[in-house]
Amino acid sequence: MAEIANDMVSGACCSQCGVYFAKAHGYPVLCAACWADAPTADRAAMGVQLAREPEL
């Protein structure tokens, strides 16, 4: 379980749903689907950004 948590913190996968990306971002991110579903206030409170790398 710790590996998944580390992947979420490093931006290797979406911080909400866990979908993986082609390359880690180096910071927490949300995939496009989770980004669209999250209210703007929640995005800021979670401290995440929209993923730039393609999903696997």
PDB file of N, CA and C in Angstrom:
ATOM      1  N   MET A   1       0.810  -1.191   0.000  1.00  0.00           N
ATOM      2  CA  MET A   1       0.000   0.000   0.000  1.00  0.00           C
ATOM      3  C   MET A   1       0.857   1.259   0.000  1.00  0.00           C
ATOM      4  N   ALA A   2       2.005   1.196   0.616  1.00  0.00           N
ATOM      5  CA  ALA A   2       2.884   2.365   0.671  1.00  0.00           C
ATOM      6  C   ALA A   2       3.356   2.766  -0.720  1.00  0.00           C
ATOM      7  N   GLU A   3       3.508   1.797  -1.616  1.00  0.00           N
ATOM      8  CA  GLU A   3       3.962   2.107  -2.969  1.00  0.00           C
ATOM      9  C   GLU A   3       2.952   2.985  -3.698  1.00  0.00           C
ATOM     10  N   ILE A   4       1.683   2.690  -3.529  1.00  0.00           N
ATOM     11  CA  ILE A   4       0.639   3.484  -4.179  1.00  0.00           C
ATOM     12  C   ILE A   4       0.629   4.900  -3.616  1.00  0.00           C
ATOM     13  N   ALA A   5       0.759   5.028  -2.319  1.00  0.00           N
ATOM     14  CA  ALA A   5       0.792   6.351  -1.698  1.00  0.00           C
ATOM     15  C   ALA A   5       1.984   7.152  -2.219  1.00  0.00           C
ATOM     16  N   ASN A   6       3.128   6.517  -2.342  1.00  0.00           N
ATOM     17  CA  ASN A   6       4.304   7.200  -2.886  1.00  0.00           C
ATOM     18  C   ASN A   6       4.079   7.610  -4.334  1.00  0.00           C
ATOM     19  N   ASP A   7       3.424   6.743  -5.118  1.00  0.00           N
ATOM     20  CA  ASP A   7       3.133   7.062  -6.516  1.00  0.00           C
ATOM     21  C   ASP A   7       2.182   8.252  -6.622  1.00  0.00           C
ATOM     22  N   MET A   8       1.223   8.352  -5.709  1.00  0.00           N
ATOM     23  CA  MET A   8       0.292   9.488  -5.720  1.00  0.00           C
ATOM     24  C   MET A   8       1.006  10.789  -5.362  1.00  0.00           C
ATOM     25  N   VAL A   9       1.898  10.729  -4.394  1.00  0.00           N
ATOM     26  CA  VAL A   9       2.639  11.929  -3.982  1.00  0.00           C
ATOM     27  C   VAL A   9       3.602  12.369  -5.084  1.00  0.00           C
ATOM     28  N   SER A  10       4.212  11.407  -5.770  1.00  0.00           N
ATOM     29  CA  SER A  10       5.186  11.751  -6.815  1.00  0.00           C
ATOM     30  C   SER A  10       4.532  12.081  -8.150  1.00  0.00           C
ATOM     31  N   GLY A  11       3.217  11.896  -8.253  1.00  0.00           N
ATOM     32  CA  GLY A  11       2.526  12.186  -9.504  1.00  0.00           C
ATOM     33  C   GLY A  11       2.665  11.100 -10.546  1.00  0.00           C
ATOM     34  N   ALA A  12       3.073   9.903 -10.122  1.00  0.00           N
ATOM     35  CA  ALA A  12       3.139   8.785 -11.054  1.00  0.00           C
ATOM     36  C   ALA A  12       1.739   8.276 -11.378  1.00  0.00           C
ATOM     37  N   CYS A  13       0.785   8.539 -10.467  1.00  0.00           N
ATOM     38  CA  CYS A  13      -0.609   8.181 -10.702  1.00  0.00           C
ATOM     39  C   CYS A  13      -1.520   9.276 -10.145  1.00  0.00           C
ATOM     40  N   CYS A  14      -2.766   9.262 -10.559  1.00  0.00           N
ATOM     41  CA  CYS A  14      -3.758  10.249 -10.118  1.00  0.00           C
ATOM     42  C   CYS A  14      -3.951  10.154  -8.607  1.00  0.00           C
ATOM     43  N   SER A  15      -3.988  11.280  -7.953  1.00  0.00           N
ATOM     44  CA  SER A  15      -4.145  11.317  -6.498  1.00  0.00           C
ATOM     45  C   SER A  15      -5.528  10.895  -6.043  1.00  0.00           C
ATOM     46  N   GLN A  16      -6.479  10.841  -6.959  1.00  0.00           N
ATOM     47  CA  GLN A  16      -7.836  10.486  -6.559  1.00  0.00           C
ATOM     48  C   GLN A  16      -8.226   9.074  -7.000  1.00  0.00           C
ATOM     49  N   CYS A  17      -8.049   8.752  -8.270  1.00  0.00           N
ATOM     50  CA  CYS A  17      -8.521   7.450  -8.757  1.00  0.00           C
ATOM     51  C   CYS A  17      -7.404   6.423  -8.941  1.00  0.00           C
ATOM     52  N   GLY A  18      -6.163   6.860  -9.002  1.00  0.00           N
ATOM     53  CA  GLY A  18      -5.043   5.938  -9.109  1.00  0.00           C
ATOM     54  C   GLY A  18      -4.624   5.547 -10.508  1.00  0.00           C
ATOM     55  N   VAL A  19      -5.200   6.166 -11.546  1.00  0.00           N
ATOM     56  CA  VAL A  19      -4.769   5.849 -12.908  1.00  0.00           C
ATOM     57  C   VAL A  19      -3.308   6.301 -13.064  1.00  0.00           C
ATOM     58  N   TYR A  20      -2.504   5.459 -13.730  1.00  0.00           N
ATOM     59  CA  TYR A  20      -1.076   5.760 -13.883  1.00  0.00           C
ATOM     60  C   TYR A  20      -0.810   6.570 -15.143  1.00  0.00           C
ATOM     61  N   PHE A  21       0.304   7.287 -15.115  1.00  0.00           N
ATOM     62  CA  PHE A  21       0.724   8.135 -16.230  1.00  0.00           C
ATOM     63  C   PHE A  21       2.001   7.582 -16.846  1.00  0.00           C
ATOM     64  N   ALA A  22       2.293   7.985 -18.072  1.00  0.00           N
ATOM     65  CA  ALA A  22       3.481   7.518 -18.780  1.00  0.00           C
ATOM     66  C   ALA A  22       4.756   7.914 -18.046  1.00  0.00           C
ATOM     67  N   LYS A  23       4.723   9.033 -17.346  1.00  0.00           N
ATOM     68  CA  LYS A  23       5.894   9.548 -16.636  1.00  0.00           C
ATOM     69  C   LYS A  23       5.419  10.253 -15.375  1.00  0.00           C
ATOM     70  N   ALA A  24       6.173  10.140 -14.291  1.00  0.00           N
ATOM     71  CA  ALA A  24       5.814  10.828 -13.042  1.00  0.00           C
ATOM     72  C   ALA A  24       5.984  12.340 -13.207  1.00  0.00           C
ATOM     73  N   HIS A  25       5.129  13.094 -12.547  1.00  0.00           N
ATOM     74  CA  HIS A  25       5.155  14.550 -12.636  1.00  0.00           C
ATOM     75  C   HIS A  25       6.103  15.193 -11.627  1.00  0.00           C
ATOM     76  N   GLY A  26       6.318  14.517 -10.506  1.00  0.00           N
ATOM     77  CA  GLY A  26       7.163  15.073  -9.454  1.00  0.00           C
ATOM     78  C   GLY A  26       6.373  15.802  -8.381  1.00  0.00           C
ATOM     79  N   TYR A  27       5.060  15.837  -8.526  1.00  0.00           N
ATOM     80  CA  TYR A  27       4.149  16.478  -7.576  1.00  0.00           C
ATOM     81  C   TYR A  27       2.769  15.859  -7.760  1.00  0.00           C
ATOM     82  N   PRO A  28       1.891  15.955  -6.771  1.00  0.00           N
ATOM     83  CA  PRO A  28       0.560  15.343  -6.884  1.00  0.00           C
ATOM     84  C   PRO A  28      -0.274  15.959  -8.015  1.00  0.00           C
ATOM     85  N   VAL A  29      -0.957  15.106  -8.772  1.00  0.00           N
ATOM     86  CA  VAL A  29      -1.792  15.553  -9.889  1.00  0.00           C
ATOM     87  C   VAL A  29      -3.105  14.777  -9.918  1.00  0.00           C
ATOM     88  N   LEU A  30      -4.057  15.313 -10.667  1.00  0.00           N
ATOM     89  CA  LEU A  30      -5.316  14.627 -10.954  1.00  0.00           C
ATOM     90  C   LEU A  30      -5.378  14.348 -12.446  1.00  0.00           C
ATOM     91  N   CYS A  31      -5.942  13.201 -12.821  1.00  0.00           N
ATOM     92  CA  CYS A  31      -6.172  12.916 -14.235  1.00  0.00           C
ATOM     93  C   CYS A  31      -7.276  13.851 -14.748  1.00  0.00           C
ATOM     94  N   ALA A  32      -7.458  13.886 -16.047  1.00  0.00           N
ATOM     95  CA  ALA A  32      -8.437  14.792 -16.651  1.00  0.00           C
ATOM     96  C   ALA A  32      -9.856  14.526 -16.140  1.00  0.00           C
ATOM     97  N   ALA A  33     -10.224  13.262 -15.971  1.00  0.00           N
ATOM     98  CA  ALA A  33     -11.580  12.931 -15.505  1.00  0.00           C
ATOM     99  C   ALA A  33     -11.806  13.397 -14.072  1.00  0.00           C
ATOM    100  N   CYS A  34     -10.850  13.155 -13.192  1.00  0.00           N
ATOM    101  CA  CYS A  34     -10.990  13.584 -11.795  1.00  0.00           C
ATOM    102  C   CYS A  34     -10.936  15.103 -11.689  1.00  0.00           C
ATOM    103  N   TRP A  35     -10.126  15.734 -12.520  1.00  0.00           N
ATOM    104  CA  TRP A  35     -10.028  17.194 -12.537  1.00  0.00           C
ATOM    105  C   TRP A  35     -11.383  17.805 -12.910  1.00  0.00           C
ATOM    106  N   ALA A  36     -12.039  17.231 -13.902  1.00  0.00           N
ATOM    107  CA  ALA A  36     -13.339  17.734 -14.347  1.00  0.00           C
ATOM    108  C   ALA A  36     -14.413  17.533 -13.282  1.00  0.00           C
ATOM    109  N   ASP A  37     -14.301  16.454 -12.507  1.00  0.00           N
ATOM    110  CA  ASP A  37     -15.291  16.146 -11.476  1.00  0.00           C
ATOM    111  C   ASP A  37     -15.091  16.935 -10.182  1.00  0.00           C
ATOM    112  N   ALA A  38     -13.889  17.399  -9.934  1.00  0.00           N
ATOM    113  CA  ALA A  38     -13.582  18.078  -8.666  1.00  0.00           C
ATOM    114  C   ALA A  38     -13.967  19.549  -8.723  1.00  0.00           C
ATOM    115  N   PRO A  39     -14.735  20.033  -7.756  1.00  0.00           N
ATOM    116  CA  PRO A  39     -15.035  21.463  -7.698  1.00  0.00           C
ATOM    117  C   PRO A  39     -13.745  22.274  -7.536  1.00  0.00           C
ATOM    118  N   THR A  40     -13.727  23.468  -8.069  1.00  0.00           N
ATOM    119  CA  THR A  40     -12.540  24.309  -8.040  1.00  0.00           C
ATOM    120  C   THR A  40     -11.997  24.492  -6.629  1.00  0.00           C
ATOM    121  N   ALA A  41     -12.856  24.674  -5.648  1.00  0.00           N
ATOM    122  CA  ALA A  41     -12.403  24.857  -4.266  1.00  0.00           C
ATOM    123  C   ALA A  41     -11.701  23.614  -3.753  1.00  0.00           C
ATOM    124  N   ASP A  42     -12.183  22.445  -4.145  1.00  0.00           N
ATOM    125  CA  ASP A  42     -11.552  21.196  -3.709  1.00  0.00           C
ATOM    126  C   ASP A  42     -10.162  21.034  -4.325  1.00  0.00           C
ATOM    127  N   ARG A  43      -9.997  21.453  -5.575  1.00  0.00           N
ATOM    128  CA  ARG A  43      -8.691  21.352  -6.231  1.00  0.00           C
ATOM    129  C   ARG A  43      -7.649  22.142  -5.445  1.00  0.00           C
ATOM    130  N   ALA A  44      -8.001  23.362  -5.067  1.00  0.00           N
ATOM    131  CA  ALA A  44      -7.067  24.207  -4.327  1.00  0.00           C
ATOM    132  C   ALA A  44      -6.784  23.622  -2.952  1.00  0.00           C
ATOM    133  N   ALA A  45      -7.813  23.114  -2.289  1.00  0.00           N
ATOM    134  CA  ALA A  45      -7.647  22.557  -0.948  1.00  0.00           C
ATOM    135  C   ALA A  45      -6.776  21.299  -0.972  1.00  0.00           C
ATOM    136  N   MET A  46      -6.870  20.512  -2.037  1.00  0.00           N
ATOM    137  CA  MET A  46      -6.088  19.288  -2.145  1.00  0.00           C
ATOM    138  C   MET A  46      -4.646  19.582  -2.542  1.00  0.00           C
ATOM    139  N   GLY A  47      -4.391  20.748  -3.095  1.00  0.00           N
ATOM    140  CA  GLY A  47      -3.045  21.108  -3.504  1.00  0.00           C
ATOM    141  C   GLY A  47      -2.521  20.292  -4.672  1.00  0.00           C
ATOM    142  N   VAL A  48      -3.392  19.999  -5.629  1.00  0.00           N
ATOM    143  CA  VAL A  48      -2.990  19.214  -6.794  1.00  0.00           C
ATOM    144  C   VAL A  48      -3.178  20.028  -8.063  1.00  0.00           C
ATOM    145  N   GLN A  49      -2.516  19.564  -9.115  1.00  0.00           N
ATOM    146  CA  GLN A  49      -2.625  20.198 -10.420  1.00  0.00           C
ATOM    147  C   GLN A  49      -3.140  19.188 -11.431  1.00  0.00           C
ATOM    148  N   LEU A  50      -3.520  19.678 -12.602  1.00  0.00           N
ATOM    149  CA  LEU A  50      -3.964  18.824 -13.696  1.00  0.00           C
ATOM    150  C   LEU A  50      -2.751  18.107 -14.289  1.00  0.00           C
ATOM    151  N   ALA A  51      -2.874  16.815 -14.530  1.00  0.00           N
ATOM    152  CA  ALA A  51      -1.795  16.023 -15.102  1.00  0.00           C
ATOM    153  C   ALA A  51      -1.476  16.478 -16.527  1.00  0.00           C
ATOM    154  N   ARG A  52      -0.210  16.490 -16.874  1.00  0.00           N
ATOM    155  CA  ARG A  52       0.255  16.871 -18.210  1.00  0.00           C
ATOM    156  C   ARG A  52       0.707  15.663 -19.022  1.00  0.00           C
ATOM    157  N   GLU A  53       1.044  14.584 -18.350  1.00  0.00           N
ATOM    158  CA  GLU A  53       1.518  13.378 -19.020  1.00  0.00           C
ATOM    159  C   GLU A  53       0.330  12.522 -19.458  1.00  0.00           C
ATOM    160  N   PRO A  54       0.481  11.752 -20.544  1.00  0.00           N
ATOM    161  CA  PRO A  54      -0.606  10.873 -20.984  1.00  0.00           C
ATOM    162  C   PRO A  54      -0.854   9.720 -20.000  1.00  0.00           C
ATOM    163  N   GLU A  55      -2.106   9.310 -19.921  1.00  0.00           N
ATOM    164  CA  GLU A  55      -2.478   8.193 -19.049  1.00  0.00           C
ATOM    165  C   GLU A  55      -2.107   6.868 -19.718  1.00  0.00           C
ATOM    166  N   LEU A  56      -1.831   5.886 -18.885  1.00  0.00           N
ATOM    167  CA  LEU A  56      -1.532   4.545 -19.407  1.00  0.00           C
ATOM    168  C   LEU A  56      -2.798   3.725 -19.471  1.00  0.00           C
TER     169      LEU A  56
END
